[in-house]
C-alpha atoms as a PDB file:
ATOM      1  CA  MET A   1     -65.779  57.040  -6.933  1.00  0.00           C
ATOM      2  CA  THR A   2     -65.642  58.643  -3.291  1.00  0.00           C
ATOM      3  CA  THR A   3     -63.570  57.357  -0.607  1.00  0.00           C
ATOM      4  CA  PRO A   4     -65.264  57.122   2.886  1.00  0.00           C
ATOM      5  CA  ALA A   5     -64.642  59.737   5.235  1.00  0.00           C
ATOM      6  CA  SER A   6     -63.922  57.372   8.385  1.00  0.00           C
ATOM      7  CA  PRO A   7     -63.267  53.995   8.997  1.00  0.00           C
ATOM      8  CA  GLY A   8     -67.197  53.790  10.515  1.00  0.00           C
ATOM      9  CA  ALA A   9     -68.364  54.986   7.252  1.00  0.00           C
ATOM     10  CA  ALA A  10     -66.230  52.471   5.419  1.00  0.00           C
ATOM     11  CA  ALA A  11     -67.519  49.600   7.692  1.00  0.00           C
ATOM     12  CA  ALA A  12     -71.184  50.334   6.807  1.00  0.00           C
ATOM     13  CA  ALA A  13     -70.285  50.545   3.045  1.00  0.00           C
ATOM     14  CA  ALA A  14     -68.865  47.334   3.351  1.00  0.00           C
ATOM     15  CA  ARG A  15     -72.030  45.750   5.329  1.00  0.00           C
ATOM     16  CA  ASP A  16     -74.296  47.376   2.501  1.00  0.00           C
ATOM     17  CA  ALA A  17     -72.160  45.830  -0.275  1.00  0.00           C
ATOM     18  CA  ILE A  18     -72.110  42.505   1.354  1.00  0.00           C
ATOM     19  CA  ALA A  19     -75.905  42.518   1.996  1.00  0.00           C
ATOM     20  CA  ALA A  20     -76.306  43.373  -1.702  1.00  0.00           C
ATOM     21  CA  ALA A  21     -73.837  40.337  -2.680  1.00  0.00           C
ATOM     22  CA  SER A  22     -75.290  36.796  -4.253  1.00  0.00           C
ATOM     23  CA  ALA A  23     -74.833  33.704  -2.269  1.00  0.00           C
ATOM     24  CA  ALA A  24     -71.979  32.761  -4.410  1.00  0.00           C
ATOM     25  CA  GLU A  25     -69.827  35.903  -3.768  1.00  0.00           C
ATOM     26  CA  LEU A  26     -70.533  35.524  -0.035  1.00  0.00           C
ATOM     27  CA  ARG A  27     -68.645  32.284  -0.079  1.00  0.00           C
ATOM     28  CA  ALA A  28     -65.563  34.101  -1.495  1.00  0.00           C
ATOM     29  CA  GLN A  29     -63.095  34.955   1.341  1.00  0.00           C
ATOM     30  CA  HIS A  30     -61.164  38.587   1.034  1.00  0.00           C
ATOM     31  CA  LEU A  31     -58.364  40.271   2.927  1.00  0.00           C
ATOM     32  CA  THR A  32     -59.311  44.113   3.540  1.00  0.00           C
ATOM     33  CA  PHE A  33     -57.017  46.695   4.381  1.00  0.00           C
ATOM     34  CA  TRP A  34     -56.685  50.265   4.824  1.00  0.00           C
ATOM     35  CA  LEU A  35     -53.983  52.364   2.835  1.00  0.00           C
ATOM     36  CA  GLY A  36     -54.403  56.075   3.521  1.00  0.00           C
ATOM     37  CA  ASP A  37     -58.077  56.866   3.583  1.00  0.00           C
ATOM     38  CA  THR A  38     -59.076  54.113   1.068  1.00  0.00           C
ATOM     39  CA  VAL A  39     -60.232  50.569   1.874  1.00  0.00           C
ATOM     40  CA  PHE A  40     -58.900  47.802  -0.665  1.00  0.00           C
ATOM     41  CA  ALA A  41     -59.702  43.909  -0.917  1.00  0.00           C
ATOM     42  CA  LEU A  42     -58.127  41.112  -2.215  1.00  0.00           C
ATOM     43  CA  GLY A  43     -58.992  37.749  -2.983  1.00  0.00           C
ATOM     44  CA  ILE A  44     -57.611  35.505  -0.469  1.00  0.00           C
ATOM     45  CA  ASP A  45     -56.065  33.295  -3.072  1.00  0.00           C
ATOM     46  CA  SER A  46     -53.825  36.067  -4.173  1.00  0.00           C
ATOM     47  CA  VAL A  47     -52.633  36.523  -0.812  1.00  0.00           C
ATOM     48  CA  ARG A  48     -49.430  34.816  -0.276  1.00  0.00           C
ATOM     49  CA  GLU A  49     -48.233  36.020   3.416  1.00  0.00           C
ATOM     50  CA  ILE A  50     -49.116  38.557   5.890  1.00  0.00           C
ATOM     51  CA  ILE A  51     -46.122  40.508   7.500  1.00  0.00           C
ATOM     52  CA  GLN A  52     -46.637  42.237  10.756  1.00  0.00           C
ATOM     53  CA  TYR A  53     -45.137  45.579  10.580  1.00  0.00           C
ATOM     54  CA  SER A  54     -41.690  45.795  12.560  1.00  0.00           C
ATOM     55  CA  GLN A  55     -38.941  48.351  13.087  1.00  0.00           C
ATOM     56  CA  MET A  56     -38.118  50.291  10.066  1.00  0.00           C
ATOM     57  CA  THR A  57     -34.434  51.235   9.479  1.00  0.00           C
ATOM     58  CA  ARG A  58     -33.824  54.816   7.603  1.00  0.00           C
ATOM     59  CA  VAL A  59     -31.356  54.365   4.681  1.00  0.00           C
ATOM     60  CA  PRO A  60     -29.201  57.281   4.060  1.00  0.00           C
ATOM     61  CA  LEU A  61     -29.323  59.103   0.472  1.00  0.00           C
ATOM     62  CA  THR A  62     -32.493  57.553  -0.436  1.00  0.00           C
ATOM     63  CA  PRO A  63     -35.346  59.528  -2.030  1.00  0.00           C
ATOM     64  CA  PRO A  64     -38.275  60.920   0.204  1.00  0.00           C
ATOM     65  CA  PHE A  65     -40.965  58.367  -0.659  1.00  0.00           C
ATOM     66  CA  VAL A  66     -38.444  55.689   0.498  1.00  0.00           C
ATOM     67  CA  ARG A  67     -39.272  55.533   4.321  1.00  0.00           C
ATOM     68  CA  GLY A  68     -36.876  52.847   4.974  1.00  0.00           C
ATOM     69  CA  VAL A  69     -36.193  48.885   5.142  1.00  0.00           C
ATOM     70  CA  ILE A  70     -37.546  46.153   7.405  1.00  0.00           C
ATOM     71  CA  ASN A  71     -36.003  42.858   7.881  1.00  0.00           C
ATOM     72  CA  LEU A  72     -37.719  39.835   6.678  1.00  0.00           C
END
């Protein structure tokens, strides 16, 4: 499986996939999002909430993969 080179290419690929889907699949709703260069989709039934990105606070002495924390 290859990842799209750009958001435009991903959008075109998504349009092609939707065009090929059956009528029953088109009634399903999905949340799509980018993570790096990859597009992901989740069934809307599995989404509990969408939180807008806010100011991140760095935490001292954490591993490099921990960028920080946000206030929920």
